[in-house]
Amino acid sequence: MSDHPRFGPAGVPLAFKELNRPVFEVPKYLRDEGLCAFEYQAIRWGTKPQINKEIVEKLGSNAREHEVWLTVHGSYFLNFCGKPVTIEASKNHLIACATAANWMGAQLIVFHLGYYMKQSPKEAMELCVSVK
């Protein structure tokens, strides 16, 4: 794919949803609309990929065929600034999303790794970076 600005929706467009078509057909729909990017929303996923591997592999194949840049937005249920049990669950959420992103051949994954309530922004960043 060439290096040029890419435009497309975050999530499945409402007009596509009304067609009642499988998600792996989104890339062709977007290309027909003149768009060339799609951010798959995995924002409410738990600790396992909540989509069939075969489906996301087809999504990735169709994205490459139609030259649609594919990205994934990871789970909102991440907090590397929390208690140890929260951090461990957050790691599992992240791994689930990264696994599905790998299946589909996504170009990148977006995560929000933590939020701070009792720490300063600097302390929160240090906590996020220190997670192994």
N, C-alpha and C. Protein backbone atom coordinates (compact mmCIF):
# COMPACT_ATOMS: atom_id res chain seq x y z
N MET A 1 0.84 -1.18 0.00
CA MET A 1 0.00 0.00 0.00
C MET A 1 0.87 1.23 0.00
N SER A 2 0.44 2.22 -0.71
CA SER A 2 1.24 3.44 -0.83
C SER A 2 1.13 4.29 0.42
N ASP A 3 2.10 5.20 0.54
CA ASP A 3 2.11 6.14 1.66
C ASP A 3 1.30 7.37 1.27
N HIS A 4 0.07 7.41 1.70
CA HIS A 4 -0.78 8.58 1.49
C HIS A 4 -1.78 8.61 2.63
N PRO A 5 -2.38 9.76 2.87
CA PRO A 5 -3.38 9.82 3.95
C PRO A 5 -4.49 8.80 3.70
N ARG A 6 -4.95 8.21 4.76
CA ARG A 6 -6.01 7.20 4.68
C ARG A 6 -7.21 7.70 5.48
N PHE A 7 -8.39 7.52 4.91
CA PHE A 7 -9.61 7.96 5.58
C PHE A 7 -10.59 6.80 5.63
N GLY A 8 -11.24 6.65 6.76
CA GLY A 8 -12.23 5.61 6.93
C GLY A 8 -12.83 5.69 8.32
N PRO A 9 -13.83 4.87 8.59
CA PRO A 9 -14.54 4.94 9.86
C PRO A 9 -13.88 4.16 10.98
N ALA A 10 -14.17 4.57 12.20
CA ALA A 10 -13.86 3.79 13.39
C ALA A 10 -15.14 3.01 13.70
N GLY A 11 -15.11 1.74 13.40
CA GLY A 11 -16.30 0.91 13.58
C GLY A 11 -17.06 0.75 12.28
N VAL A 12 -17.97 -0.20 12.31
CA VAL A 12 -18.77 -0.53 11.13
C VAL A 12 -19.77 0.59 10.86
N PRO A 13 -19.77 1.14 9.65
CA PRO A 13 -20.71 2.22 9.33
C PRO A 13 -22.17 1.78 9.48
N LEU A 14 -23.00 2.69 9.94
CA LEU A 14 -24.42 2.37 10.13
C LEU A 14 -25.08 1.89 8.84
N ALA A 15 -24.75 2.52 7.71
CA ALA A 15 -25.35 2.12 6.44
C ALA A 15 -24.96 0.69 6.08
N PHE A 16 -23.75 0.27 6.44
CA PHE A 16 -23.33 -1.10 6.18
C PHE A 16 -24.09 -2.06 7.09
N LYS A 17 -24.27 -1.68 8.34
CA LYS A 17 -25.02 -2.53 9.28
C LYS A 17 -26.43 -2.80 8.77
N GLU A 18 -27.03 -1.79 8.15
CA GLU A 18 -28.39 -1.94 7.62
C GLU A 18 -28.45 -2.96 6.49
N LEU A 19 -27.33 -3.23 5.84
CA LEU A 19 -27.29 -4.22 4.76
C LEU A 19 -27.29 -5.65 5.30
N ASN A 20 -27.03 -5.78 6.61
CA ASN A 20 -27.01 -7.08 7.28
C ASN A 20 -26.00 -8.03 6.61
N ARG A 21 -24.83 -7.52 6.32
CA ARG A 21 -23.76 -8.29 5.67
C ARG A 21 -22.69 -8.63 6.71
N PRO A 22 -21.89 -9.68 6.48
CA PRO A 22 -20.84 -10.03 7.44
C PRO A 22 -19.74 -8.96 7.47
N VAL A 23 -19.11 -8.82 8.63
CA VAL A 23 -18.10 -7.78 8.84
C VAL A 23 -16.94 -7.90 7.87
N PHE A 24 -16.64 -9.11 7.40
CA PHE A 24 -15.50 -9.23 6.49
C PHE A 24 -15.75 -8.60 5.13
N GLU A 25 -16.98 -8.16 4.86
CA GLU A 25 -17.28 -7.46 3.62
C GLU A 25 -17.15 -5.94 3.74
N VAL A 26 -16.82 -5.45 4.92
CA VAL A 26 -16.66 -4.01 5.12
C VAL A 26 -15.62 -3.40 4.19
N PRO A 27 -14.44 -4.02 3.98
CA PRO A 27 -13.44 -3.37 3.11
C PRO A 27 -13.95 -3.05 1.70
N LYS A 28 -14.66 -3.96 1.08
CA LYS A 28 -15.20 -3.69 -0.26
C LYS A 28 -16.20 -2.55 -0.20
N TYR A 29 -17.07 -2.57 0.79
CA TYR A 29 -18.05 -1.50 0.97
C TYR A 29 -17.35 -0.14 1.10
N LEU A 30 -16.32 -0.09 1.93
CA LEU A 30 -15.61 1.17 2.14
C LEU A 30 -14.93 1.64 0.87
N ARG A 31 -14.28 0.72 0.17
CA ARG A 31 -13.60 1.09 -1.07
C ARG A 31 -14.61 1.62 -2.08
N ASP A 32 -15.78 0.97 -2.17
CA ASP A 32 -16.83 1.45 -3.09
C ASP A 32 -17.31 2.85 -2.71
N GLU A 33 -17.18 3.21 -1.44
CA GLU A 33 -17.56 4.54 -0.95
C GLU A 33 -16.42 5.54 -1.09
N GLY A 34 -15.26 5.09 -1.59
CA GLY A 34 -14.12 5.98 -1.76
C GLY A 34 -13.23 6.10 -0.54
N LEU A 35 -13.40 5.19 0.42
CA LEU A 35 -12.60 5.22 1.64
C LEU A 35 -11.52 4.14 1.59
N CYS A 36 -10.49 4.29 2.42
CA CYS A 36 -9.37 3.34 2.32
C CYS A 36 -8.79 2.97 3.68
N ALA A 37 -9.59 3.07 4.74
CA ALA A 37 -9.13 2.67 6.07
C ALA A 37 -10.34 2.20 6.87
N PHE A 38 -10.07 1.32 7.84
CA PHE A 38 -11.12 0.80 8.71
C PHE A 38 -10.51 0.45 10.05
N GLU A 39 -11.08 1.05 11.12
CA GLU A 39 -10.65 0.72 12.47
C GLU A 39 -11.67 -0.25 13.06
N TYR A 40 -11.24 -1.49 13.25
CA TYR A 40 -12.10 -2.50 13.87
C TYR A 40 -12.18 -2.20 15.36
N GLN A 41 -13.37 -2.15 15.90
CA GLN A 41 -13.59 -1.80 17.30
C GLN A 41 -13.69 -3.07 18.16
N ALA A 42 -12.69 -3.28 18.99
CA ALA A 42 -12.70 -4.38 19.95
C ALA A 42 -12.76 -3.79 21.36
N ILE A 43 -13.48 -2.72 21.50
CA ILE A 43 -13.44 -1.89 22.70
C ILE A 43 -14.10 -2.49 23.93
N ARG A 44 -14.97 -3.45 23.75
CA ARG A 44 -15.66 -4.05 24.90
C ARG A 44 -15.31 -5.51 25.09
N TRP A 45 -14.24 -5.94 24.47
CA TRP A 45 -13.83 -7.34 24.58
C TRP A 45 -13.35 -7.67 25.98
N GLY A 46 -13.54 -8.92 26.34
CA GLY A 46 -13.01 -9.45 27.58
C GLY A 46 -11.61 -10.01 27.36
N THR A 47 -11.31 -11.10 28.03
CA THR A 47 -9.95 -11.64 28.01
C THR A 47 -9.73 -12.68 26.93
N LYS A 48 -10.69 -12.86 26.03
CA LYS A 48 -10.53 -13.75 24.88
C LYS A 48 -11.03 -13.02 23.65
N PRO A 49 -10.42 -13.29 22.47
CA PRO A 49 -10.97 -12.65 21.26
C PRO A 49 -12.44 -12.99 21.11
N GLN A 50 -13.26 -11.99 20.91
CA GLN A 50 -14.70 -12.20 20.81
C GLN A 50 -15.15 -12.13 19.37
N ILE A 51 -14.37 -12.76 18.51
CA ILE A 51 -14.72 -12.87 17.10
C ILE A 51 -14.04 -14.14 16.60
N ASN A 52 -14.66 -14.76 15.64
CA ASN A 52 -14.16 -15.99 15.05
C ASN A 52 -12.90 -15.73 14.23
N LYS A 53 -11.89 -16.58 14.42
CA LYS A 53 -10.62 -16.42 13.72
C LYS A 53 -10.81 -16.42 12.21
N GLU A 54 -11.64 -17.30 11.71
CA GLU A 54 -11.87 -17.39 10.26
C GLU A 54 -12.47 -16.09 9.71
N ILE A 55 -13.37 -15.49 10.48
CA ILE A 55 -14.01 -14.24 10.04
C ILE A 55 -12.99 -13.11 9.96
N VAL A 56 -12.14 -12.97 10.98
CA VAL A 56 -11.18 -11.87 10.94
C VAL A 56 -10.07 -12.12 9.92
N GLU A 57 -9.76 -13.38 9.67
CA GLU A 57 -8.80 -13.67 8.59
C GLU A 57 -9.39 -13.24 7.24
N LYS A 58 -10.70 -13.48 7.03
CA LYS A 58 -11.36 -13.02 5.80
C LYS A 58 -11.40 -11.49 5.74
N LEU A 59 -11.63 -10.86 6.89
CA LEU A 59 -11.61 -9.40 6.95
C LEU A 59 -10.25 -8.88 6.50
N GLY A 60 -9.19 -9.47 7.03
CA GLY A 60 -7.85 -9.04 6.65
C GLY A 60 -7.55 -9.28 5.19
N SER A 61 -7.96 -10.43 4.68
CA SER A 61 -7.75 -10.75 3.27
C SER A 61 -8.49 -9.75 2.37
N ASN A 62 -9.73 -9.46 2.73
CA ASN A 62 -10.51 -8.49 1.95
C ASN A 62 -9.94 -7.08 2.06
N ALA A 63 -9.41 -6.74 3.22
CA ALA A 63 -8.80 -5.42 3.38
C ALA A 63 -7.59 -5.29 2.45
N ARG A 64 -6.77 -6.32 2.39
CA ARG A 64 -5.61 -6.28 1.49
C ARG A 64 -6.05 -6.24 0.03
N GLU A 65 -7.06 -7.05 -0.31
CA GLU A 65 -7.55 -7.09 -1.69
C GLU A 65 -8.07 -5.73 -2.15
N HIS A 66 -8.75 -5.02 -1.26
CA HIS A 66 -9.36 -3.74 -1.62
C HIS A 66 -8.51 -2.54 -1.18
N GLU A 67 -7.29 -2.83 -0.73
CA GLU A 67 -6.35 -1.79 -0.31
C GLU A 67 -6.94 -0.87 0.75
N VAL A 68 -7.54 -1.49 1.76
CA VAL A 68 -8.08 -0.77 2.90
C VAL A 68 -7.15 -1.02 4.08
N TRP A 69 -6.64 0.07 4.65
CA TRP A 69 -5.72 -0.02 5.78
C TRP A 69 -6.51 -0.42 7.00
N LEU A 70 -6.16 -1.51 7.65
CA LEU A 70 -6.91 -2.08 8.76
C LEU A 70 -6.18 -1.84 10.08
N THR A 71 -6.90 -1.26 11.04
CA THR A 71 -6.38 -1.06 12.38
C THR A 71 -7.40 -1.61 13.38
N VAL A 72 -6.99 -1.73 14.63
CA VAL A 72 -7.86 -2.25 15.68
C VAL A 72 -7.80 -1.30 16.87
N HIS A 73 -8.94 -0.99 17.44
CA HIS A 73 -8.99 -0.24 18.70
C HIS A 73 -9.25 -1.25 19.80
N GLY A 74 -8.31 -1.35 20.72
CA GLY A 74 -8.38 -2.34 21.80
C GLY A 74 -9.39 -2.00 22.86
N SER A 75 -9.55 -2.96 23.74
CA SER A 75 -10.52 -2.90 24.82
C SER A 75 -10.35 -1.65 25.68
N TYR A 76 -11.49 -1.10 26.10
CA TYR A 76 -11.48 0.00 27.05
C TYR A 76 -11.20 -0.49 28.47
N PHE A 77 -11.28 -1.80 28.68
CA PHE A 77 -11.15 -2.37 30.02
C PHE A 77 -9.69 -2.64 30.37
N LEU A 78 -8.84 -1.66 30.19
CA LEU A 78 -7.43 -1.78 30.52
C LEU A 78 -7.07 -0.72 31.55
N ASN A 79 -6.28 -1.13 32.51
CA ASN A 79 -5.74 -0.16 33.45
C ASN A 79 -4.47 -0.73 34.06
N PHE A 80 -3.35 -0.30 33.54
CA PHE A 80 -2.06 -0.73 34.06
C PHE A 80 -1.63 0.12 35.25
N CYS A 81 -2.53 0.97 35.73
CA CYS A 81 -2.27 1.80 36.90
C CYS A 81 -3.09 1.33 38.10
N GLY A 82 -3.68 0.16 38.01
CA GLY A 82 -4.57 -0.32 39.06
C GLY A 82 -3.92 -1.31 40.00
N LYS A 83 -4.77 -2.08 40.66
CA LYS A 83 -4.33 -3.14 41.56
C LYS A 83 -3.76 -4.29 40.74
N PRO A 84 -2.94 -5.15 41.36
CA PRO A 84 -2.34 -6.27 40.62
C PRO A 84 -3.37 -7.14 39.87
N VAL A 85 -4.51 -7.39 40.45
CA VAL A 85 -5.51 -8.21 39.77
C VAL A 85 -6.05 -7.49 38.52
N THR A 86 -6.19 -6.18 38.61
CA THR A 86 -6.63 -5.38 37.46
C THR A 86 -5.57 -5.36 36.37
N ILE A 87 -4.33 -5.23 36.77
CA ILE A 87 -3.23 -5.22 35.80
C ILE A 87 -3.17 -6.55 35.07
N GLU A 88 -3.30 -7.65 35.80
CA GLU A 88 -3.24 -8.98 35.17
C GLU A 88 -4.40 -9.16 34.18
N ALA A 89 -5.59 -8.76 34.57
CA ALA A 89 -6.74 -8.84 33.65
C ALA A 89 -6.51 -7.95 32.43
N SER A 90 -5.92 -6.77 32.65
CA SER A 90 -5.64 -5.86 31.55
C SER A 90 -4.67 -6.47 30.56
N LYS A 91 -3.66 -7.17 31.06
CA LYS A 91 -2.72 -7.85 30.16
C LYS A 91 -3.47 -8.86 29.30
N ASN A 92 -4.39 -9.59 29.90
CA ASN A 92 -5.15 -10.60 29.14
C ASN A 92 -6.06 -9.96 28.11
N HIS A 93 -6.66 -8.82 28.42
CA HIS A 93 -7.46 -8.08 27.45
C HIS A 93 -6.59 -7.67 26.26
N LEU A 94 -5.41 -7.13 26.57
CA LEU A 94 -4.50 -6.66 25.54
C LEU A 94 -4.06 -7.82 24.64
N ILE A 95 -3.73 -8.95 25.24
CA ILE A 95 -3.29 -10.13 24.48
C ILE A 95 -4.41 -10.63 23.57
N ALA A 96 -5.65 -10.64 24.06
CA ALA A 96 -6.79 -11.08 23.24
C ALA A 96 -6.93 -10.21 22.00
N CYS A 97 -6.83 -8.91 22.18
CA CYS A 97 -6.97 -7.99 21.06
C CYS A 97 -5.79 -8.13 20.10
N ALA A 98 -4.59 -8.24 20.63
CA ALA A 98 -3.41 -8.39 19.77
C ALA A 98 -3.47 -9.69 18.98
N THR A 99 -4.01 -10.73 19.58
CA THR A 99 -4.17 -12.01 18.89
C THR A 99 -5.09 -11.85 17.68
N ALA A 100 -6.25 -11.24 17.90
CA ALA A 100 -7.20 -11.03 16.79
C ALA A 100 -6.61 -10.09 15.74
N ALA A 101 -5.90 -9.05 16.18
CA ALA A 101 -5.27 -8.12 15.24
C ALA A 101 -4.25 -8.86 14.37
N ASN A 102 -3.53 -9.77 14.97
CA ASN A 102 -2.58 -10.58 14.22
C ASN A 102 -3.31 -11.47 13.21
N TRP A 103 -4.40 -12.08 13.62
CA TRP A 103 -5.19 -12.93 12.72
C TRP A 103 -5.61 -12.15 11.47
N MET A 104 -6.02 -10.89 11.67
CA MET A 104 -6.52 -10.12 10.53
C MET A 104 -5.43 -9.35 9.80
N GLY A 105 -4.21 -9.35 10.33
CA GLY A 105 -3.12 -8.63 9.68
C GLY A 105 -3.26 -7.13 9.80
N ALA A 106 -3.77 -6.66 10.92
CA ALA A 106 -3.95 -5.22 11.14
C ALA A 106 -2.62 -4.48 11.09
N GLN A 107 -2.67 -3.24 10.61
CA GLN A 107 -1.48 -2.41 10.51
C GLN A 107 -1.03 -1.87 11.87
N LEU A 108 -1.98 -1.62 12.75
CA LEU A 108 -1.64 -1.14 14.08
C LEU A 108 -2.80 -1.37 15.03
N ILE A 109 -2.50 -1.28 16.32
CA ILE A 109 -3.50 -1.44 17.38
C ILE A 109 -3.41 -0.21 18.28
N VAL A 110 -4.56 0.33 18.64
CA VAL A 110 -4.62 1.47 19.56
C VAL A 110 -5.12 0.96 20.91
N PHE A 111 -4.40 1.30 21.97
CA PHE A 111 -4.79 0.96 23.34
C PHE A 111 -4.68 2.20 24.21
N HIS A 112 -5.53 2.28 25.20
CA HIS A 112 -5.40 3.28 26.26
C HIS A 112 -5.05 2.46 27.50
N LEU A 113 -3.79 2.49 27.89
CA LEU A 113 -3.28 1.54 28.87
C LEU A 113 -3.54 1.87 30.33
N GLY A 114 -4.02 3.02 30.62
CA GLY A 114 -4.27 3.30 32.02
C GLY A 114 -4.85 4.67 32.23
N TYR A 115 -5.38 4.85 33.37
CA TYR A 115 -5.87 6.16 33.76
C TYR A 115 -5.41 6.37 35.20
N TYR A 116 -5.31 7.58 35.57
CA TYR A 116 -4.82 7.87 36.91
C TYR A 116 -5.89 8.59 37.70
N MET A 117 -5.98 8.20 38.94
CA MET A 117 -6.92 8.87 39.83
C MET A 117 -6.16 9.34 41.07
N LYS A 118 -5.29 8.49 41.58
CA LYS A 118 -4.55 8.83 42.79
C LYS A 118 -3.10 9.17 42.50
N GLN A 119 -2.66 8.92 41.25
CA GLN A 119 -1.28 9.21 40.89
C GLN A 119 -1.22 10.46 40.02
N SER A 120 -0.03 10.97 39.94
CA SER A 120 0.19 12.07 38.99
C SER A 120 0.31 11.45 37.60
N PRO A 121 0.18 12.25 36.55
CA PRO A 121 0.39 11.70 35.20
C PRO A 121 1.74 11.01 35.05
N LYS A 122 2.77 11.59 35.63
CA LYS A 122 4.12 11.00 35.54
C LYS A 122 4.14 9.64 36.25
N GLU A 123 3.56 9.54 37.43
CA GLU A 123 3.54 8.27 38.17
C GLU A 123 2.73 7.23 37.41
N ALA A 124 1.62 7.65 36.81
CA ALA A 124 0.80 6.72 36.03
C ALA A 124 1.59 6.18 34.84
N MET A 125 2.31 7.04 34.16
CA MET A 125 3.13 6.61 33.03
C MET A 125 4.19 5.61 33.49
N GLU A 126 4.85 5.90 34.59
CA GLU A 126 5.86 4.99 35.12
C GLU A 126 5.26 3.63 35.44
N LEU A 127 4.06 3.62 36.03
CA LEU A 127 3.39 2.35 36.33
C LEU A 127 3.09 1.57 35.05
N CYS A 128 2.55 2.24 34.05
CA CYS A 128 2.24 1.57 32.78
C CYS A 128 3.49 0.98 32.14
N VAL A 129 4.56 1.74 32.12
CA VAL A 129 5.80 1.30 31.50
C VAL A 129 6.42 0.13 32.28
N SER A 130 6.22 0.07 33.58
CA SER A 130 6.85 -0.97 34.39
C SER A 130 6.15 -2.33 34.32
N VAL A 131 4.95 -2.39 33.75
CA VAL A 131 4.20 -3.65 33.67
C VAL A 131 4.94 -4.62 32.76
N LYS A 132 5.08 -5.83 33.23
CA LYS A 132 5.76 -6.88 32.45
C LYS A 132 4.80 -7.98 32.12
